[in-house]
Amino acid sequence: MADKIKLAVAFLMVALGIAGFYLLPGDSPRVVRVLSVLGGVAVAAGVAYLSAPGKAFYAFSQESVAEARKVVWPTRKETLQMTGIVVLFVLVMAIFLWLVDGSLFWLVKLVMGRSE
């Protein structure tokens, strides 16, 4: 129950930050208005972190970053080669489908007796 209250308070902090953006006078600097939203989000993140789902989400985020660091990214040469293969495949497939479509169109016209 306490976690649900914490998450509700976090949601309320975000809502108050957004409300602050719109309720501040229009002649106030935009930076102050944006800071009210960012402040609301920061306070909400802090409150949400104190809940069990917030801590679980933070642990998941840390594990995701660790896994992303393990990714072996392709070199520039590999990327260009694979891009070339994909472009070539798309062109060959486009020509093939164009030929099949044209052949079927011609065949249907022939069967229906509308050949020109």
PDB file of N, CA and C in Angstrom:
ATOM      1  N   MET A   1       0.823  -1.200   0.000  1.00  0.00           N
ATOM      2  CA  MET A   1       0.000   0.000   0.000  1.00  0.00           C
ATOM      3  C   MET A   1       0.865   1.261   0.000  1.00  0.00           C
ATOM      4  N   ALA A   2       1.969   1.218   0.755  1.00  0.00           N
ATOM      5  CA  ALA A   2       2.847   2.388   0.825  1.00  0.00           C
ATOM      6  C   ALA A   2       3.462   2.685  -0.537  1.00  0.00           C
ATOM      7  N   ASP A   3       3.765   1.623  -1.315  1.00  0.00           N
ATOM      8  CA  ASP A   3       4.335   1.838  -2.645  1.00  0.00           C
ATOM      9  C   ASP A   3       3.345   2.531  -3.566  1.00  0.00           C
ATOM     10  N   LYS A   4       2.079   2.161  -3.458  1.00  0.00           N
ATOM     11  CA  LYS A   4       1.065   2.800  -4.295  1.00  0.00           C
ATOM     12  C   LYS A   4       0.931   4.275  -3.940  1.00  0.00           C
ATOM     13  N   ILE A   5       1.028   4.590  -2.665  1.00  0.00           N
ATOM     14  CA  ILE A   5       0.953   5.995  -2.235  1.00  0.00           C
ATOM     15  C   ILE A   5       2.159   6.759  -2.761  1.00  0.00           C
ATOM     16  N   LYS A   6       3.333   6.158  -2.680  1.00  0.00           N
ATOM     17  CA  LYS A   6       4.539   6.820  -3.188  1.00  0.00           C
ATOM     18  C   LYS A   6       4.436   7.080  -4.682  1.00  0.00           C
ATOM     19  N   LEU A   7       3.938   6.099  -5.434  1.00  0.00           N
ATOM     20  CA  LEU A   7       3.789   6.299  -6.874  1.00  0.00           C
ATOM     21  C   LEU A   7       2.726   7.347  -7.192  1.00  0.00           C
ATOM     22  N   ALA A   8       1.670   7.399  -6.388  1.00  0.00           N
ATOM     23  CA  ALA A   8       0.650   8.436  -6.583  1.00  0.00           C
ATOM     24  C   ALA A   8       1.236   9.815  -6.301  1.00  0.00           C
ATOM     25  N   VAL A   9       2.054   9.918  -5.262  1.00  0.00           N
ATOM     26  CA  VAL A   9       2.706  11.195  -4.955  1.00  0.00           C
ATOM     27  C   VAL A   9       3.654  11.583  -6.091  1.00  0.00           C
ATOM     28  N   ALA A  10       4.367  10.601  -6.628  1.00  0.00           N
ATOM     29  CA  ALA A  10       5.268  10.884  -7.754  1.00  0.00           C
ATOM     30  C   ALA A  10       4.482  11.416  -8.946  1.00  0.00           C
ATOM     31  N   PHE A  11       3.362  10.788  -9.245  1.00  0.00           N
ATOM     32  CA  PHE A  11       2.519  11.256 -10.338  1.00  0.00           C
ATOM     33  C   PHE A  11       2.016  12.673 -10.060  1.00  0.00           C
ATOM     34  N   LEU A  12       1.653  12.924  -8.823  1.00  0.00           N
ATOM     35  CA  LEU A  12       1.183  14.256  -8.430  1.00  0.00           C
ATOM     36  C   LEU A  12       2.291  15.294  -8.606  1.00  0.00           C
ATOM     37  N   MET A  13       3.534  14.939  -8.308  1.00  0.00           N
ATOM     38  CA  MET A  13       4.657  15.871  -8.469  1.00  0.00           C
ATOM     39  C   MET A  13       4.855  16.235  -9.942  1.00  0.00           C
ATOM     40  N   VAL A  14       4.730  15.253 -10.817  1.00  0.00           N
ATOM     41  CA  VAL A  14       4.837  15.544 -12.254  1.00  0.00           C
ATOM     42  C   VAL A  14       3.696  16.461 -12.680  1.00  0.00           C
ATOM     43  N   ALA A  15       2.490  16.170 -12.205  1.00  0.00           N
ATOM     44  CA  ALA A  15       1.333  17.004 -12.550  1.00  0.00           C
ATOM     45  C   ALA A  15       1.511  18.425 -12.023  1.00  0.00           C
ATOM     46  N   LEU A  16       2.050  18.559 -10.815  1.00  0.00           N
ATOM     47  CA  LEU A  16       2.279  19.903 -10.262  1.00  0.00           C
ATOM     48  C   LEU A  16       3.346  20.650 -11.052  1.00  0.00           C
ATOM     49  N   GLY A  17       4.377  19.948 -11.492  1.00  0.00           N
ATOM     50  CA  GLY A  17       5.404  20.592 -12.316  1.00  0.00           C
ATOM     51  C   GLY A  17       4.833  21.111 -13.620  1.00  0.00           C
ATOM     52  N   ILE A  18       3.987  20.298 -14.243  1.00  0.00           N
ATOM     53  CA  ILE A  18       3.357  20.724 -15.501  1.00  0.00           C
ATOM     54  C   ILE A  18       2.380  21.869 -15.237  1.00  0.00           C
ATOM     55  N   ALA A  19       1.639  21.784 -14.143  1.00  0.00           N
ATOM     56  CA  ALA A  19       0.711  22.865 -13.792  1.00  0.00           C
ATOM     57  C   ALA A  19       1.485  24.155 -13.529  1.00  0.00           C
ATOM     58  N   GLY A  20       2.650  24.023 -12.878  1.00  0.00           N
ATOM     59  CA  GLY A  20       3.478  25.201 -12.626  1.00  0.00           C
ATOM     60  C   GLY A  20       3.898  25.877 -13.921  1.00  0.00           C
ATOM     61  N   PHE A  21       4.168  25.092 -14.953  1.00  0.00           N
ATOM     62  CA  PHE A  21       4.545  25.661 -16.244  1.00  0.00           C
ATOM     63  C   PHE A  21       3.436  26.563 -16.777  1.00  0.00           C
ATOM     64  N   TYR A  22       2.195  26.105 -16.647  1.00  0.00           N
ATOM     65  CA  TYR A  22       1.077  26.866 -17.203  1.00  0.00           C
ATOM     66  C   TYR A  22       0.554  27.944 -16.258  1.00  0.00           C
ATOM     67  N   LEU A  23       0.757  27.766 -14.957  1.00  0.00           N
ATOM     68  CA  LEU A  23       0.215  28.735 -14.009  1.00  0.00           C
ATOM     69  C   LEU A  23       1.160  29.905 -13.738  1.00  0.00           C
ATOM     70  N   LEU A  24       2.444  29.744 -14.044  1.00  0.00           N
ATOM     71  CA  LEU A  24       3.358  30.874 -13.888  1.00  0.00           C
ATOM     72  C   LEU A  24       2.964  31.958 -14.889  1.00  0.00           C
ATOM     73  N   PRO A  25       3.170  33.213 -14.515  1.00  0.00           N
ATOM     74  CA  PRO A  25       2.781  34.292 -15.442  1.00  0.00           C
ATOM     75  C   PRO A  25       3.486  34.154 -16.788  1.00  0.00           C
ATOM     76  N   GLY A  26       2.810  34.560 -17.821  1.00  0.00           N
ATOM     77  CA  GLY A  26       3.348  34.461 -19.172  1.00  0.00           C
ATOM     78  C   GLY A  26       4.589  35.306 -19.396  1.00  0.00           C
ATOM     79  N   ASP A  27       4.766  36.367 -18.590  1.00  0.00           N
ATOM     80  CA  ASP A  27       5.941  37.217 -18.774  1.00  0.00           C
ATOM     81  C   ASP A  27       7.161  36.706 -18.003  1.00  0.00           C
ATOM     82  N   SER A  28       7.011  35.620 -17.252  1.00  0.00           N
ATOM     83  CA  SER A  28       8.172  35.058 -16.553  1.00  0.00           C
ATOM     84  C   SER A  28       9.050  34.338 -17.571  1.00  0.00           C
ATOM     85  N   PRO A  29      10.350  34.301 -17.310  1.00  0.00           N
ATOM     86  CA  PRO A  29      11.247  33.661 -18.285  1.00  0.00           C
ATOM     87  C   PRO A  29      10.863  32.196 -18.519  1.00  0.00           C
ATOM     88  N   ARG A  30      11.011  31.798 -19.753  1.00  0.00           N
ATOM     89  CA  ARG A  30      10.647  30.427 -20.116  1.00  0.00           C
ATOM     90  C   ARG A  30      11.500  29.424 -19.345  1.00  0.00           C
ATOM     91  N   VAL A  31      12.732  29.799 -19.041  1.00  0.00           N
ATOM     92  CA  VAL A  31      13.628  28.920 -18.284  1.00  0.00           C
ATOM     93  C   VAL A  31      13.017  28.570 -16.928  1.00  0.00           C
ATOM     94  N   VAL A  32      12.396  29.533 -16.274  1.00  0.00           N
ATOM     95  CA  VAL A  32      11.786  29.281 -14.974  1.00  0.00           C
ATOM     96  C   VAL A  32      10.617  28.320 -15.130  1.00  0.00           C
ATOM     97  N   ARG A  33       9.866  28.491 -16.191  1.00  0.00           N
ATOM     98  CA  ARG A  33       8.713  27.629 -16.421  1.00  0.00           C
ATOM     99  C   ARG A  33       9.163  26.197 -16.734  1.00  0.00           C
ATOM    100  N   VAL A  34      10.207  26.065 -17.536  1.00  0.00           N
ATOM    101  CA  VAL A  34      10.729  24.732 -17.858  1.00  0.00           C
ATOM    102  C   VAL A  34      11.339  24.093 -16.613  1.00  0.00           C
ATOM    103  N   LEU A  35      12.010  24.898 -15.795  1.00  0.00           N
ATOM    104  CA  LEU A  35      12.590  24.361 -14.566  1.00  0.00           C
ATOM    105  C   LEU A  35      11.520  23.851 -13.608  1.00  0.00           C
ATOM    106  N   SER A  36      10.339  24.441 -13.648  1.00  0.00           N
ATOM    107  CA  SER A  36       9.270  23.929 -12.784  1.00  0.00           C
ATOM    108  C   SER A  36       8.871  22.514 -13.208  1.00  0.00           C
ATOM    109  N   VAL A  37       8.830  22.269 -14.514  1.00  0.00           N
ATOM    110  CA  VAL A  37       8.513  20.926 -14.997  1.00  0.00           C
ATOM    111  C   VAL A  37       9.644  19.965 -14.647  1.00  0.00           C
ATOM    112  N   LEU A  38      10.883  20.373 -14.917  1.00  0.00           N
ATOM    113  CA  LEU A  38      12.022  19.501 -14.622  1.00  0.00           C
ATOM    114  C   LEU A  38      12.138  19.227 -13.128  1.00  0.00           C
ATOM    115  N   GLY A  39      11.847  20.236 -12.309  1.00  0.00           N
ATOM    116  CA  GLY A  39      11.859  20.034 -10.864  1.00  0.00           C
ATOM    117  C   GLY A  39      10.804  19.032 -10.430  1.00  0.00           C
ATOM    118  N   GLY A  40       9.621  19.148 -11.000  1.00  0.00           N
ATOM    119  CA  GLY A  40       8.555  18.195 -10.687  1.00  0.00           C
ATOM    120  C   GLY A  40       8.927  16.778 -11.091  1.00  0.00           C
ATOM    121  N   VAL A  41       9.551  16.640 -12.243  1.00  0.00           N
ATOM    122  CA  VAL A  41       9.973  15.315 -12.705  1.00  0.00           C
ATOM    123  C   VAL A  41      11.089  14.770 -11.811  1.00  0.00           C
ATOM    124  N   ALA A  42      12.028  15.647 -11.410  1.00  0.00           N
ATOM    125  CA  ALA A  42      13.129  15.205 -10.553  1.00  0.00           C
ATOM    126  C   ALA A  42      12.615  14.747  -9.184  1.00  0.00           C
ATOM    127  N   VAL A  43      11.718  15.520  -8.597  1.00  0.00           N
ATOM    128  CA  VAL A  43      11.157  15.139  -7.300  1.00  0.00           C
ATOM    129  C   VAL A  43      10.356  13.846  -7.452  1.00  0.00           C
ATOM    130  N   ALA A  44       9.615  13.728  -8.537  1.00  0.00           N
ATOM    131  CA  ALA A  44       8.833  12.515  -8.780  1.00  0.00           C
ATOM    132  C   ALA A  44       9.749  11.304  -8.931  1.00  0.00           C
ATOM    133  N   ALA A  45      10.870  11.477  -9.624  1.00  0.00           N
ATOM    134  CA  ALA A  45      11.813  10.366  -9.776  1.00  0.00           C
ATOM    135  C   ALA A  45      12.377   9.952  -8.427  1.00  0.00           C
ATOM    136  N   GLY A  46      12.682  10.934  -7.590  1.00  0.00           N
ATOM    137  CA  GLY A  46      13.190  10.621  -6.258  1.00  0.00           C
ATOM    138  C   GLY A  46      12.166   9.875  -5.421  1.00  0.00           C
ATOM    139  N   VAL A  47      10.937  10.322  -5.463  1.00  0.00           N
ATOM    140  CA  VAL A  47       9.876   9.659  -4.681  1.00  0.00           C
ATOM    141  C   VAL A  47       9.615   8.260  -5.239  1.00  0.00           C
ATOM    142  N   ALA A  48       9.586   8.133  -6.560  1.00  0.00           N
ATOM    143  CA  ALA A  48       9.336   6.833  -7.177  1.00  0.00           C
ATOM    144  C   ALA A  48      10.466   5.859  -6.868  1.00  0.00           C
ATOM    145  N   TYR A  49      11.697   6.359  -6.769  1.00  0.00           N
ATOM    146  CA  TYR A  49      12.837   5.493  -6.459  1.00  0.00           C
ATOM    147  C   TYR A  49      12.710   4.881  -5.068  1.00  0.00           C
ATOM    148  N   LEU A  50      12.063   5.579  -4.184  1.00  0.00           N
ATOM    149  CA  LEU A  50      11.909   5.078  -2.819  1.00  0.00           C
ATOM    150  C   LEU A  50      10.913   3.922  -2.721  1.00  0.00           C
ATOM    151  N   SER A  51      10.161   3.674  -3.776  1.00  0.00           N
ATOM    152  CA  SER A  51       9.202   2.563  -3.758  1.00  0.00           C
ATOM    153  C   SER A  51       9.874   1.293  -4.296  1.00  0.00           C
ATOM    154  N   ALA A  52       9.284   0.164  -4.016  1.00  0.00           N
ATOM    155  CA  ALA A  52       9.831  -1.118  -4.493  1.00  0.00           C
ATOM    156  C   ALA A  52       9.845  -1.200  -6.023  1.00  0.00           C
ATOM    157  N   PRO A  53       8.765  -0.803  -6.713  1.00  0.00           N
ATOM    158  CA  PRO A  53       8.833  -0.828  -8.179  1.00  0.00           C
ATOM    159  C   PRO A  53       9.891   0.124  -8.728  1.00  0.00           C
ATOM    160  N   GLY A  54      10.092   1.258  -8.058  1.00  0.00           N
ATOM    161  CA  GLY A  54      11.115   2.200  -8.493  1.00  0.00           C
ATOM    162  C   GLY A  54      12.509   1.617  -8.371  1.00  0.00           C
ATOM    163  N   LYS A  55      12.778   0.923  -7.271  1.00  0.00           N
ATOM    164  CA  LYS A  55      14.082   0.286  -7.097  1.00  0.00           C
ATOM    165  C   LYS A  55      14.268  -0.848  -8.093  1.00  0.00           C
ATOM    166  N   ALA A  56      13.208  -1.585  -8.379  1.00  0.00           N
ATOM    167  CA  ALA A  56      13.293  -2.655  -9.372  1.00  0.00           C
ATOM    168  C   ALA A  56      13.570  -2.072 -10.757  1.00  0.00           C
ATOM    169  N   PHE A  57      12.922  -0.956 -11.079  1.00  0.00           N
ATOM    170  CA  PHE A  57      13.148  -0.303 -12.369  1.00  0.00           C
ATOM    171  C   PHE A  57      14.584   0.204 -12.470  1.00  0.00           C
ATOM    172  N   TYR A  58      15.099   0.763 -11.376  1.00  0.00           N
ATOM    173  CA  TYR A  58      16.484   1.258 -11.376  1.00  0.00           C
ATOM    174  C   TYR A  58      17.457   0.093 -11.584  1.00  0.00           C
ATOM    175  N   ALA A  59      17.225  -1.032 -10.925  1.00  0.00           N
ATOM    176  CA  ALA A  59      18.091  -2.204 -11.102  1.00  0.00           C
ATOM    177  C   ALA A  59      18.009  -2.711 -12.542  1.00  0.00           C
ATOM    178  N   PHE A  60      16.810  -2.729 -13.096  1.00  0.00           N
ATOM    179  CA  PHE A  60      16.635  -3.145 -14.495  1.00  0.00           C
ATOM    180  C   PHE A  60      17.402  -2.208 -15.426  1.00  0.00           C
ATOM    181  N   SER A  61      17.356  -0.900 -15.151  1.00  0.00           N
ATOM    182  CA  SER A  61      18.069   0.078 -15.976  1.00  0.00           C
ATOM    183  C   SER A  61      19.567  -0.177 -15.933  1.00  0.00           C
ATOM    184  N   GLN A  62      20.082  -0.443 -14.744  1.00  0.00           N
ATOM    185  CA  GLN A  62      21.516  -0.707 -14.606  1.00  0.00           C
ATOM    186  C   GLN A  62      21.919  -1.968 -15.377  1.00  0.00           C
ATOM    187  N   GLU A  63      21.100  -3.000 -15.302  1.00  0.00           N
ATOM    188  CA  GLU A  63      21.392  -4.232 -16.031  1.00  0.00           C
ATOM    189  C   GLU A  63      21.316  -4.011 -17.535  1.00  0.00           C
ATOM    190  N   SER A  64      20.380  -3.176 -17.971  1.00  0.00           N
ATOM    191  CA  SER A  64      20.252  -2.877 -19.405  1.00  0.00           C
ATOM    192  C   SER A  64      21.482  -2.153 -19.918  1.00  0.00           C
ATOM    193  N   VAL A  65      21.991  -1.210 -19.138  1.00  0.00           N
ATOM    194  CA  VAL A  65      23.200  -0.485 -19.537  1.00  0.00           C
ATOM    195  C   VAL A  65      24.377  -1.450 -19.611  1.00  0.00           C
ATOM    196  N   ALA A  66      24.482  -2.344 -18.654  1.00  0.00           N
ATOM    197  CA  ALA A  66      25.579  -3.325 -18.658  1.00  0.00           C
ATOM    198  C   ALA A  66      25.485  -4.233 -19.884  1.00  0.00           C
ATOM    199  N   GLU A  67      24.284  -4.647 -20.246  1.00  0.00           N
ATOM    200  CA  GLU A  67      24.116  -5.494 -21.424  1.00  0.00           C
ATOM    201  C   GLU A  67      24.425  -4.723 -22.706  1.00  0.00           C
ATOM    202  N   ALA A  68      24.037  -3.456 -22.759  1.00  0.00           N
ATOM    203  CA  ALA A  68      24.303  -2.649 -23.953  1.00  0.00           C
ATOM    204  C   ALA A  68      25.798  -2.465 -24.167  1.00  0.00           C
ATOM    205  N   ARG A  69      26.556  -2.444 -23.092  1.00  0.00           N
ATOM    206  CA  ARG A  69      28.009  -2.311 -23.222  1.00  0.00           C
ATOM    207  C   ARG A  69      28.640  -3.581 -23.767  1.00  0.00           C
ATOM    208  N   LYS A  70      27.964  -4.704 -23.650  1.00  0.00           N
ATOM    209  CA  LYS A  70      28.492  -5.970 -24.152  1.00  0.00           C
ATOM    210  C   LYS A  70      28.275  -6.147 -25.658  1.00  0.00           C
ATOM    211  N   VAL A  71      27.458  -5.309 -26.256  1.00  0.00           N
ATOM    212  CA  VAL A  71      27.140  -5.447 -27.676  1.00  0.00           C
ATOM    213  C   VAL A  71      28.385  -5.177 -28.508  1.00  0.00           C
ATOM    214  N   VAL A  72      28.623  -6.042 -29.484  1.00  0.00           N
ATOM    215  CA  VAL A  72      29.733  -5.845 -30.415  1.00  0.00           C
ATOM    216  C   VAL A  72      29.148  -5.193 -31.670  1.00  0.00           C
ATOM    217  N   TRP A  73      29.453  -3.923 -31.855  1.00  0.00           N
ATOM    218  CA  TRP A  73      28.900  -3.181 -32.977  1.00  0.00           C
ATOM    219  C   TRP A  73      29.716  -3.464 -34.238  1.00  0.00           C
ATOM    220  N   PRO A  74      29.076  -3.505 -35.400  1.00  0.00           N
ATOM    221  CA  PRO A  74      29.818  -3.777 -36.636  1.00  0.00           C
ATOM    222  C   PRO A  74      30.730  -2.602 -36.992  1.00  0.00           C
ATOM    223  N   THR A  75      31.790  -2.933 -37.725  1.00  0.00           N
ATOM    224  CA  THR A  75      32.701  -1.877 -38.186  1.00  0.00           C
ATOM    225  C   THR A  75      32.042  -1.126 -39.332  1.00  0.00           C
ATOM    226  N   ARG A  76      32.664  -0.032 -39.719  1.00  0.00           N
ATOM    227  CA  ARG A  76      32.133   0.768 -40.827  1.00  0.00           C
ATOM    228  C   ARG A  76      32.097  -0.064 -42.107  1.00  0.00           C
ATOM    229  N   LYS A  77      33.148  -0.844 -42.342  1.00  0.00           N
ATOM    230  CA  LYS A  77      33.218  -1.669 -43.544  1.00  0.00           C
ATOM    231  C   LYS A  77      32.086  -2.705 -43.561  1.00  0.00           C
ATOM    232  N   GLU A  78      31.873  -3.376 -42.432  1.00  0.00           N
ATOM    233  CA  GLU A  78      30.789  -4.355 -42.351  1.00  0.00           C
ATOM    234  C   GLU A  78      29.426  -3.707 -42.568  1.00  0.00           C
ATOM    235  N   THR A  79      29.242  -2.525 -42.005  1.00  0.00           N
ATOM    236  CA  THR A  79      27.972  -1.819 -42.155  1.00  0.00           C
ATOM    237  C   THR A  79      27.714  -1.464 -43.615  1.00  0.00           C
ATOM    238  N   LEU A  80      28.732  -0.953 -44.296  1.00  0.00           N
ATOM    239  CA  LEU A  80      28.573  -0.589 -45.706  1.00  0.00           C
ATOM    240  C   LEU A  80      28.321  -1.825 -46.559  1.00  0.00           C
ATOM    241  N   GLN A  81      29.017  -2.928 -46.272  1.00  0.00           N
ATOM    242  CA  GLN A  81      28.805  -4.151 -47.044  1.00  0.00           C
ATOM    243  C   GLN A  81      27.376  -4.670 -46.861  1.00  0.00           C
ATOM    244  N   MET A  82      26.911  -4.706 -45.644  1.00  0.00           N
ATOM    245  CA  MET A  82      25.551  -5.206 -45.393  1.00  0.00           C
ATOM    246  C   MET A  82      24.503  -4.279 -46.005  1.00  0.00           C
ATOM    247  N   THR A  83      24.748  -2.978 -45.948  1.00  0.00           N
ATOM    248  CA  THR A  83      23.823  -2.029 -46.571  1.00  0.00           C
ATOM    249  C   THR A  83      23.772  -2.250 -48.073  1.00  0.00           C
ATOM    250  N   GLY A  84      24.925  -2.474 -48.683  1.00  0.00           N
ATOM    251  CA  GLY A  84      24.974  -2.751 -50.123  1.00  0.00           C
ATOM    252  C   GLY A  84      24.218  -4.009 -50.480  1.00  0.00           C
ATOM    253  N   ILE A  85      24.362  -5.053 -49.653  1.00  0.00           N
ATOM    254  CA  ILE A  85      23.646  -6.306 -49.908  1.00  0.00           C
ATOM    255  C   ILE A  85      22.142  -6.089 -49.813  1.00  0.00           C
ATOM    256  N   VAL A  86      21.710  -5.339 -48.815  1.00  0.00           N
ATOM    257  CA  VAL A  86      20.275  -5.083 -48.647  1.00  0.00           C
ATOM    258  C   VAL A  86      19.732  -4.278 -49.825  1.00  0.00           C
ATOM    259  N   VAL A  87      20.458  -3.242 -50.251  1.00  0.00           N
ATOM    260  CA  VAL A  87      20.004  -2.420 -51.383  1.00  0.00           C
ATOM    261  C   VAL A  87      19.931  -3.267 -52.653  1.00  0.00           C
ATOM    262  N   LEU A  88      20.938  -4.098 -52.888  1.00  0.00           N
ATOM    263  CA  LEU A  88      20.941  -4.965 -54.064  1.00  0.00           C
ATOM    264  C   LEU A  88      19.765  -5.939 -54.019  1.00  0.00           C
ATOM    265  N   PHE A  89      19.519  -6.527 -52.857  1.00  0.00           N
ATOM    266  CA  PHE A  89      18.394  -7.457 -52.722  1.00  0.00           C
ATOM    267  C   PHE A  89      17.073  -6.755 -53.001  1.00  0.00           C
ATOM    268  N   VAL A  90      16.922  -5.553 -52.485  1.00  0.00           N
ATOM    269  CA  VAL A  90      15.673  -4.806 -52.706  1.00  0.00           C
ATOM    270  C   VAL A  90      15.493  -4.507 -54.189  1.00  0.00           C
ATOM    271  N   LEU A  91      16.558  -4.125 -54.884  1.00  0.00           N
ATOM    272  CA  LEU A  91      16.446  -3.849 -56.322  1.00  0.00           C
ATOM    273  C   LEU A  91      16.082  -5.107 -57.106  1.00  0.00           C
ATOM    274  N   VAL A  92      16.742  -6.218 -56.794  1.00  0.00           N
ATOM    275  CA  VAL A  92      16.434  -7.475 -57.493  1.00  0.00           C
ATOM    276  C   VAL A  92      14.982  -7.880 -57.225  1.00  0.00           C
ATOM    277  N   MET A  93      14.561  -7.774 -55.977  1.00  0.00           N
ATOM    278  CA  MET A  93      13.189  -8.144 -55.631  1.00  0.00           C
ATOM    279  C   MET A  93      12.185  -7.215 -56.318  1.00  0.00           C
ATOM    280  N   ALA A  94      12.486  -5.927 -56.392  1.00  0.00           N
ATOM    281  CA  ALA A  94      11.582  -4.980 -57.047  1.00  0.00           C
ATOM    282  C   ALA A  94      11.433  -5.324 -58.531  1.00  0.00           C
ATOM    283  N   ILE A  95      12.539  -5.658 -59.187  1.00  0.00           N
ATOM    284  CA  ILE A  95      12.473  -6.024 -60.608  1.00  0.00           C
ATOM    285  C   ILE A  95      11.684  -7.320 -60.783  1.00  0.00           C
ATOM    286  N   PHE A  96      11.934  -8.295 -59.911  1.00  0.00           N
ATOM    287  CA  PHE A  96      11.206  -9.566 -59.975  1.00  0.00           C
ATOM    288  C   PHE A  96       9.704  -9.338 -59.809  1.00  0.00           C
ATOM    289  N   LEU A  97       9.314  -8.576 -58.794  1.00  0.00           N
ATOM    290  CA  LEU A  97       7.889  -8.339 -58.568  1.00  0.00           C
ATOM    291  C   LEU A  97       7.265  -7.533 -59.704  1.00  0.00           C
ATOM    292  N   TRP A  98       8.030  -6.611 -60.293  1.00  0.00           N
ATOM    293  CA  TRP A  98       7.530  -5.842 -61.430  1.00  0.00           C
ATOM    294  C   TRP A  98       7.260  -6.767 -62.609  1.00  0.00           C
ATOM    295  N   LEU A  99       8.186  -7.717 -62.854  1.00  0.00           N
ATOM    296  CA  LEU A  99       8.000  -8.672 -63.950  1.00  0.00           C
ATOM    297  C   LEU A  99       6.805  -9.590 -63.683  1.00  0.00           C
ATOM    298  N   VAL A 100       6.670 -10.087 -62.461  1.00  0.00           N
ATOM    299  CA  VAL A 100       5.535 -10.959 -62.129  1.00  0.00           C
ATOM    300  C   VAL A 100       4.230 -10.190 -62.270  1.00  0.00           C
ATOM    301  N   ASP A 101       4.191  -8.966 -61.782  1.00  0.00           N
ATOM    302  CA  ASP A 101       2.975  -8.160 -61.871  1.00  0.00           C
ATOM    303  C   ASP A 101       2.614  -7.891 -63.326  1.00  0.00           C
ATOM    304  N   GLY A 102       3.603  -7.519 -64.122  1.00  0.00           N
ATOM    305  CA  GLY A 102       3.343  -7.265 -65.541  1.00  0.00           C
ATOM    306  C   GLY A 102       2.875  -8.511 -66.267  1.00  0.00           C
ATOM    307  N   SER A 103       3.485  -9.656 -65.947  1.00  0.00           N
ATOM    308  CA  SER A 103       3.088 -10.916 -66.587  1.00  0.00           C
ATOM    309  C   SER A 103       1.655 -11.287 -66.205  1.00  0.00           C
ATOM    310  N   LEU A 104       1.323 -11.181 -64.939  1.00  0.00           N
ATOM    311  CA  LEU A 104      -0.037 -11.505 -64.505  1.00  0.00           C
ATOM    312  C   LEU A 104      -1.051 -10.543 -65.119  1.00  0.00           C
ATOM    313  N   PHE A 105      -0.690  -9.270 -65.212  1.00  0.00           N
ATOM    314  CA  PHE A 105      -1.587  -8.293 -65.822  1.00  0.00           C
ATOM    315  C   PHE A 105      -1.846  -8.663 -67.283  1.00  0.00           C
ATOM    316  N   TRP A 106      -0.771  -9.012 -67.991  1.00  0.00           N
ATOM    317  CA  TRP A 106      -0.902  -9.393 -69.395  1.00  0.00           C
ATOM    318  C   TRP A 106      -1.738 -10.657 -69.526  1.00  0.00           C
ATOM    319  N   LEU A 107      -1.517 -11.639 -68.628  1.00  0.00           N
ATOM    320  CA  LEU A 107      -2.252 -12.898 -68.680  1.00  0.00           C
ATOM    321  C   LEU A 107      -3.744 -12.681 -68.415  1.00  0.00           C
ATOM    322  N   VAL A 108      -4.075 -11.849 -67.454  1.00  0.00           N
ATOM    323  CA  VAL A 108      -5.479 -11.566 -67.145  1.00  0.00           C
ATOM    324  C   VAL A 108      -6.151 -10.871 -68.322  1.00  0.00           C
ATOM    325  N   LYS A 109      -5.454  -9.914 -68.934  1.00  0.00           N
ATOM    326  CA  LYS A 109      -6.019  -9.233 -70.104  1.00  0.00           C
ATOM    327  C   LYS A 109      -6.255 -10.224 -71.247  1.00  0.00           C
ATOM    328  N   LEU A 110      -5.314 -11.167 -71.412  1.00  0.00           N
ATOM    329  CA  LEU A 110      -5.439 -12.154 -72.484  1.00  0.00           C
ATOM    330  C   LEU A 110      -6.625 -13.077 -72.230  1.00  0.00           C
ATOM    331  N   VAL A 111      -6.781 -13.537 -70.987  1.00  0.00           N
ATOM    332  CA  VAL A 111      -7.873 -14.443 -70.629  1.00  0.00           C
ATOM    333  C   VAL A 111      -9.220 -13.754 -70.761  1.00  0.00           C
ATOM    334  N   MET A 112      -9.279 -12.480 -70.451  1.00  0.00           N
ATOM    335  CA  MET A 112     -10.542 -11.751 -70.515  1.00  0.00           C
ATOM    336  C   MET A 112     -10.845 -11.252 -71.923  1.00  0.00           C
ATOM    337  N   GLY A 113      -9.939 -11.477 -72.869  1.00  0.00           N
ATOM    338  CA  GLY A 113     -10.181 -11.073 -74.240  1.00  0.00           C
ATOM    339  C   GLY A 113     -10.018  -9.597 -74.475  1.00  0.00           C
ATOM    340  N   ARG A 114      -9.239  -8.931 -73.694  1.00  0.00           N
ATOM    341  CA  ARG A 114      -9.043  -7.486 -73.852  1.00  0.00           C
ATOM    342  C   ARG A 114      -7.636  -7.167 -74.311  1.00  0.00           C
ATOM    343  N   SER A 115      -7.004  -8.081 -74.997  1.00  0.00           N
ATOM    344  CA  SER A 115      -5.642  -7.808 -75.443  1.00  0.00           C
ATOM    345  C   SER A 115      -5.655  -6.714 -76.502  1.00  0.00           C
ATOM    346  N   GLU A 116      -4.651  -5.898 -76.488  1.00  0.00           N
ATOM    347  CA  GLU A 116      -4.633  -4.751 -77.399  1.00  0.00           C
ATOM    348  C   GLU A 116      -3.655  -4.967 -78.505  1.00  0.00           C
TER     349      GLU A 116
END
